[in-house]
Amino acid sequence: MANLSGVVRELRKERQRAKRQMEQIDAALAALGRLHYRDGNRRKGHTMSAAARRKIAAAQRARWAKMKSRKKAA
């Protein structure tokens, strides 16, 4: 039984070491997650005015009309 208690003691030590390592990894991931958003990679809220949307839609309709007219001519 003395050998078994030694094995249990070693396993508990290993569990504590693994726990500390996981805490360090979690801390590193948390720090990297904060840095990711700090460097400007996060998409900012961008709203487009109604006039700009109308202008873009009109341009797209013109492109579609131009493509349709080429298909009819061919």
N, C-alpha and C. Protein backbone atom coordinates (compact mmCIF):
# COMPACT_ATOMS: atom_id res chain seq x y z
N MET A 1 0.80 -1.20 0.00
CA MET A 1 0.00 0.00 0.00
C MET A 1 0.84 1.26 0.00
N ALA A 2 2.03 1.19 0.54
CA ALA A 2 2.90 2.37 0.60
C ALA A 2 3.21 2.84 -0.82
N ASN A 3 3.40 1.90 -1.73
CA ASN A 3 3.68 2.24 -3.12
C ASN A 3 2.48 2.93 -3.76
N LEU A 4 1.29 2.47 -3.44
CA LEU A 4 0.08 3.07 -4.00
C LEU A 4 -0.12 4.50 -3.52
N SER A 5 0.16 4.75 -2.26
CA SER A 5 0.00 6.12 -1.75
C SER A 5 1.02 7.06 -2.40
N GLY A 6 2.20 6.55 -2.69
CA GLY A 6 3.20 7.36 -3.40
C GLY A 6 2.73 7.71 -4.80
N VAL A 7 2.11 6.77 -5.47
CA VAL A 7 1.58 7.01 -6.82
C VAL A 7 0.49 8.07 -6.77
N VAL A 8 -0.40 7.95 -5.77
CA VAL A 8 -1.49 8.92 -5.63
C VAL A 8 -0.91 10.32 -5.38
N ARG A 9 0.12 10.39 -4.53
CA ARG A 9 0.75 11.67 -4.22
C ARG A 9 1.37 12.29 -5.48
N GLU A 10 2.03 11.48 -6.29
CA GLU A 10 2.63 11.97 -7.54
C GLU A 10 1.56 12.43 -8.52
N LEU A 11 0.46 11.70 -8.58
CA LEU A 11 -0.62 12.10 -9.48
C LEU A 11 -1.23 13.44 -9.05
N ARG A 12 -1.36 13.65 -7.76
CA ARG A 12 -1.90 14.93 -7.27
C ARG A 12 -0.95 16.08 -7.61
N LYS A 13 0.35 15.83 -7.47
CA LYS A 13 1.34 16.85 -7.84
C LYS A 13 1.23 17.18 -9.33
N GLU A 14 1.10 16.15 -10.13
CA GLU A 14 0.98 16.35 -11.59
C GLU A 14 -0.30 17.11 -11.93
N ARG A 15 -1.40 16.80 -11.21
CA ARG A 15 -2.65 17.52 -11.44
C ARG A 15 -2.49 19.00 -11.10
N GLN A 16 -1.82 19.33 -10.02
CA GLN A 16 -1.60 20.72 -9.63
C GLN A 16 -0.73 21.43 -10.67
N ARG A 17 0.30 20.75 -11.15
CA ARG A 17 1.16 21.35 -12.17
C ARG A 17 0.37 21.63 -13.45
N ALA A 18 -0.46 20.68 -13.85
CA ALA A 18 -1.28 20.86 -15.05
C ALA A 18 -2.29 21.99 -14.85
N LYS A 19 -2.83 22.10 -13.65
CA LYS A 19 -3.79 23.16 -13.34
C LYS A 19 -3.13 24.54 -13.46
N ARG A 20 -1.91 24.66 -12.91
CA ARG A 20 -1.19 25.93 -13.01
C ARG A 20 -0.89 26.26 -14.47
N GLN A 21 -0.52 25.26 -15.24
CA GLN A 21 -0.22 25.46 -16.65
C GLN A 21 -1.47 25.93 -17.41
N MET A 22 -2.61 25.33 -17.12
CA MET A 22 -3.86 25.74 -17.77
C MET A 22 -4.23 27.17 -17.40
N GLU A 23 -4.00 27.56 -16.15
CA GLU A 23 -4.27 28.93 -15.74
C GLU A 23 -3.39 29.91 -16.49
N GLN A 24 -2.12 29.54 -16.71
CA GLN A 24 -1.22 30.40 -17.47
C GLN A 24 -1.66 30.50 -18.92
N ILE A 25 -2.10 29.41 -19.49
CA ILE A 25 -2.58 29.42 -20.88
C ILE A 25 -3.84 30.28 -20.99
N ASP A 26 -4.75 30.14 -20.03
CA ASP A 26 -5.96 30.95 -20.04
C ASP A 26 -5.63 32.44 -19.94
N ALA A 27 -4.66 32.78 -19.09
CA ALA A 27 -4.26 34.18 -18.95
C ALA A 27 -3.65 34.70 -20.25
N ALA A 28 -2.84 33.88 -20.90
CA ALA A 28 -2.23 34.30 -22.16
C ALA A 28 -3.29 34.50 -23.24
N LEU A 29 -4.26 33.61 -23.30
CA LEU A 29 -5.34 33.75 -24.29
C LEU A 29 -6.17 34.99 -24.02
N ALA A 30 -6.43 35.27 -22.76
CA ALA A 30 -7.20 36.46 -22.42
C ALA A 30 -6.44 37.72 -22.83
N ALA A 31 -5.13 37.74 -22.58
CA ALA A 31 -4.33 38.90 -22.95
C ALA A 31 -4.29 39.07 -24.46
N LEU A 32 -4.14 37.99 -25.19
CA LEU A 32 -4.12 38.07 -26.65
C LEU A 32 -5.47 38.49 -27.20
N GLY A 33 -6.54 38.05 -26.57
CA GLY A 33 -7.87 38.45 -27.01
C GLY A 33 -8.08 39.94 -26.86
N ARG A 34 -7.56 40.52 -25.78
CA ARG A 34 -7.68 41.97 -25.59
C ARG A 34 -6.85 42.71 -26.61
N LEU A 35 -5.67 42.20 -26.93
CA LEU A 35 -4.80 42.86 -27.90
C LEU A 35 -5.41 42.81 -29.30
N HIS A 36 -6.08 41.74 -29.62
CA HIS A 36 -6.68 41.57 -30.95
C HIS A 36 -7.62 42.72 -31.27
N TYR A 37 -8.43 43.13 -30.32
CA TYR A 37 -9.38 44.19 -30.58
C TYR A 37 -8.76 45.57 -30.44
N ARG A 38 -7.65 45.64 -29.76
CA ARG A 38 -7.03 46.94 -29.55
C ARG A 38 -6.29 47.42 -30.79
N ASP A 39 -5.87 46.52 -31.67
CA ASP A 39 -5.04 46.94 -32.80
C ASP A 39 -5.83 47.38 -34.02
N GLY A 40 -7.11 47.58 -33.89
CA GLY A 40 -7.89 48.14 -34.99
C GLY A 40 -8.49 47.11 -35.92
N ASN A 41 -8.39 45.84 -35.61
CA ASN A 41 -8.96 44.81 -36.48
C ASN A 41 -10.46 44.69 -36.33
N ARG A 42 -10.99 45.24 -35.26
CA ARG A 42 -12.43 45.12 -35.02
C ARG A 42 -13.17 46.03 -35.98
N ARG A 43 -14.23 45.54 -36.55
CA ARG A 43 -15.02 46.32 -37.49
C ARG A 43 -15.80 47.37 -36.73
N LYS A 44 -15.67 48.58 -37.16
CA LYS A 44 -16.37 49.69 -36.53
C LYS A 44 -17.77 49.78 -37.13
N GLY A 45 -18.69 50.30 -36.38
CA GLY A 45 -20.03 50.48 -36.90
C GLY A 45 -20.01 51.53 -38.00
N HIS A 46 -20.47 51.18 -39.16
CA HIS A 46 -20.46 52.10 -40.30
C HIS A 46 -21.87 52.17 -40.85
N THR A 47 -22.42 53.35 -40.81
CA THR A 47 -23.75 53.52 -41.36
C THR A 47 -23.66 54.35 -42.63
N MET A 48 -24.52 54.04 -43.53
CA MET A 48 -24.54 54.74 -44.81
C MET A 48 -25.82 55.55 -44.89
N SER A 49 -25.70 56.74 -45.41
CA SER A 49 -26.89 57.59 -45.50
C SER A 49 -27.85 57.03 -46.54
N ALA A 50 -29.09 57.44 -46.42
CA ALA A 50 -30.10 56.99 -47.37
C ALA A 50 -29.77 57.48 -48.78
N ALA A 51 -29.24 58.68 -48.88
CA ALA A 51 -28.88 59.22 -50.20
C ALA A 51 -27.77 58.39 -50.83
N ALA A 52 -26.80 57.97 -50.04
CA ALA A 52 -25.71 57.15 -50.58
C ALA A 52 -26.23 55.80 -51.02
N ARG A 53 -27.14 55.20 -50.24
CA ARG A 53 -27.72 53.92 -50.65
C ARG A 53 -28.50 54.05 -51.95
N ARG A 54 -29.25 55.14 -52.10
CA ARG A 54 -29.99 55.37 -53.34
C ARG A 54 -29.03 55.53 -54.52
N LYS A 55 -27.94 56.24 -54.33
CA LYS A 55 -26.97 56.46 -55.40
C LYS A 55 -26.33 55.13 -55.83
N ILE A 56 -25.98 54.31 -54.86
CA ILE A 56 -25.38 53.00 -55.17
C ILE A 56 -26.39 52.11 -55.87
N ALA A 57 -27.64 52.11 -55.41
CA ALA A 57 -28.68 51.29 -56.03
C ALA A 57 -28.93 51.74 -57.46
N ALA A 58 -28.94 53.05 -57.70
CA ALA A 58 -29.16 53.55 -59.06
C ALA A 58 -28.02 53.13 -59.98
N ALA A 59 -26.80 53.18 -59.47
CA ALA A 59 -25.65 52.77 -60.28
C ALA A 59 -25.73 51.28 -60.62
N GLN A 60 -26.15 50.47 -59.65
CA GLN A 60 -26.27 49.03 -59.90
C GLN A 60 -27.37 48.75 -60.92
N ARG A 61 -28.50 49.45 -60.80
CA ARG A 61 -29.58 49.27 -61.79
C ARG A 61 -29.10 49.65 -63.18
N ALA A 62 -28.28 50.70 -63.27
CA ALA A 62 -27.75 51.10 -64.58
C ALA A 62 -26.83 50.00 -65.14
N ARG A 63 -26.03 49.40 -64.29
CA ARG A 63 -25.16 48.31 -64.76
C ARG A 63 -25.98 47.12 -65.24
N TRP A 64 -27.05 46.78 -64.51
CA TRP A 64 -27.90 45.67 -64.92
C TRP A 64 -28.58 45.98 -66.27
N ALA A 65 -29.06 47.20 -66.41
CA ALA A 65 -29.72 47.59 -67.66
C ALA A 65 -28.73 47.51 -68.83
N LYS A 66 -27.51 47.91 -68.59
CA LYS A 66 -26.49 47.87 -69.64
C LYS A 66 -26.21 46.42 -70.04
N MET A 67 -26.15 45.53 -69.07
CA MET A 67 -25.90 44.11 -69.37
C MET A 67 -27.09 43.52 -70.13
N LYS A 68 -28.31 43.88 -69.75
CA LYS A 68 -29.47 43.35 -70.44
C LYS A 68 -29.54 43.84 -71.87
N SER A 69 -29.16 45.09 -72.09
CA SER A 69 -29.21 45.62 -73.46
C SER A 69 -28.16 44.91 -74.33
N ARG A 70 -27.03 44.55 -73.77
CA ARG A 70 -26.01 43.84 -74.56
C ARG A 70 -26.49 42.44 -74.90
N LYS A 71 -27.21 41.79 -73.98
CA LYS A 71 -27.71 40.45 -74.25
C LYS A 71 -28.77 40.47 -75.37
N LYS A 72 -29.63 41.50 -75.36
CA LYS A 72 -30.65 41.59 -76.40
C LYS A 72 -30.05 41.87 -77.75
N ALA A 73 -28.99 42.67 -77.79
CA ALA A 73 -28.33 43.02 -79.07
C ALA A 73 -27.63 41.80 -79.65
N ALA A 74 -27.16 40.92 -78.81
CA ALA A 74 -26.41 39.74 -79.32
C ALA A 74 -27.34 38.71 -79.81
